[in-house]
Amino acid sequence: MRISHDRTGAGLGVTRQEQDCRALCDRLGSEVAGVYADNDVSAYSGRPRPQWRRLNADITDGRVDAIVCRHVDRLTPRVSWKM
């Protein structure tokens, strides 16, 4: 999960995203093995995204075999498909 601007610091945006993702996993019968949430961090800002780095490390290390996100722009600001 990621939200660019959380003016109140309450984390409600990432909480809603997590609820939606967990509901989807429940419907699919998938286990949630981890949650990666960067709150109040724009993907374009260049600021560090600790959970993004952790996710990438877990993928590289083989601990993650699937990713669920509410919308692809919550995962990464740009999507390029290469075929």
Protein backbone atom coordinates (compact mmCIF):
# COMPACT_ATOMS: atom_id res chain seq x y z
CA MET A 1 0.00 0.00 0.00
CA ARG A 2 1.06 3.56 -0.58
CA ILE A 3 -0.52 6.95 -0.29
CA SER A 4 1.27 10.08 -1.42
CA HIS A 5 -0.16 12.62 0.99
CA ASP A 6 -1.58 11.89 4.42
CA ARG A 7 -2.19 15.36 5.82
CA THR A 8 -3.56 14.10 9.12
CA GLY A 9 -1.09 11.27 9.62
CA ALA A 10 -3.95 8.92 10.47
CA GLY A 11 -3.05 6.34 7.82
CA LEU A 12 -6.66 5.93 6.73
CA GLY A 13 -5.79 5.68 3.03
CA VAL A 14 -3.36 2.82 3.45
CA THR A 15 -5.76 1.17 5.93
CA ARG A 16 -8.54 1.20 3.30
CA GLN A 17 -6.14 -0.20 0.70
CA GLU A 18 -5.10 -2.98 3.07
CA GLN A 19 -8.73 -3.85 3.84
CA ASP A 20 -9.54 -4.08 0.12
CA CYS A 21 -6.48 -6.25 -0.56
CA ARG A 22 -7.22 -8.56 2.37
CA ALA A 23 -10.82 -8.93 1.19
CA LEU A 24 -9.56 -9.95 -2.25
CA CYS A 25 -7.15 -12.47 -0.73
CA ASP A 26 -9.99 -13.90 1.35
CA ARG A 27 -12.15 -14.30 -1.77
CA LEU A 28 -9.26 -16.01 -3.59
CA GLY A 29 -8.37 -18.20 -0.62
CA SER A 30 -4.88 -16.70 -0.52
CA GLU A 31 -2.81 -16.27 2.62
CA VAL A 32 -1.46 -12.80 3.42
CA ALA A 33 2.17 -13.38 4.29
CA GLY A 34 3.19 -9.76 4.68
CA VAL A 35 2.04 -6.18 4.40
CA TYR A 36 4.17 -3.44 2.88
CA ALA A 37 2.82 0.07 3.43
CA ASP A 38 4.54 3.38 2.76
CA ASN A 39 2.27 6.07 4.17
CA ASP A 40 2.61 9.72 3.12
CA VAL A 41 5.34 9.02 0.56
CA SER A 42 4.97 10.09 -3.05
CA ALA A 43 6.44 7.62 -5.51
CA TYR A 44 7.62 10.60 -7.57
CA SER A 45 9.23 12.54 -4.70
CA GLY A 46 12.47 10.64 -4.60
CA ARG A 47 12.08 10.22 -0.84
CA PRO A 48 13.04 6.81 0.50
CA ARG A 49 10.29 4.19 0.48
CA PRO A 50 11.44 1.69 3.12
CA GLN A 51 8.62 -0.78 2.54
CA TRP A 52 9.16 -0.68 -1.22
CA ARG A 53 12.80 -1.59 -0.65
CA ARG A 54 11.77 -4.35 1.78
CA LEU A 55 9.30 -5.75 -0.77
CA ASN A 56 11.95 -5.81 -3.48
CA ALA A 57 14.42 -7.53 -1.14
CA ASP A 58 11.80 -10.14 -0.19
CA ILE A 59 11.05 -10.79 -3.87
CA THR A 60 14.75 -11.14 -4.65
CA ASP A 61 15.19 -13.52 -1.70
CA GLY A 62 12.24 -15.67 -2.84
CA ARG A 63 9.98 -14.86 0.13
CA VAL A 64 7.25 -13.34 -2.07
CA ASP A 65 5.60 -15.17 -4.93
CA ALA A 66 2.62 -12.88 -5.55
CA ILE A 67 1.70 -9.25 -4.95
CA VAL A 68 -1.78 -7.87 -4.36
CA CYS A 69 -2.36 -4.14 -4.64
CA ARG A 70 -5.51 -2.08 -4.83
CA HIS A 71 -4.34 -0.44 -8.05
CA VAL A 72 -1.04 -0.68 -9.87
CA ASP A 73 -0.33 3.03 -9.30
CA ARG A 74 -0.20 2.31 -5.55
CA LEU A 75 2.66 -0.06 -6.26
CA THR A 76 4.68 1.96 -8.73
CA PRO A 77 4.19 5.32 -10.47
CA ARG A 78 5.08 4.02 -13.92
CA VAL A 79 4.21 0.75 -15.54
CA SER A 80 6.02 -0.34 -18.65
CA TRP A 81 5.23 -3.64 -20.23
CA LYS A 82 7.96 -5.27 -22.26
CA MET A 83 7.21 -8.19 -24.50
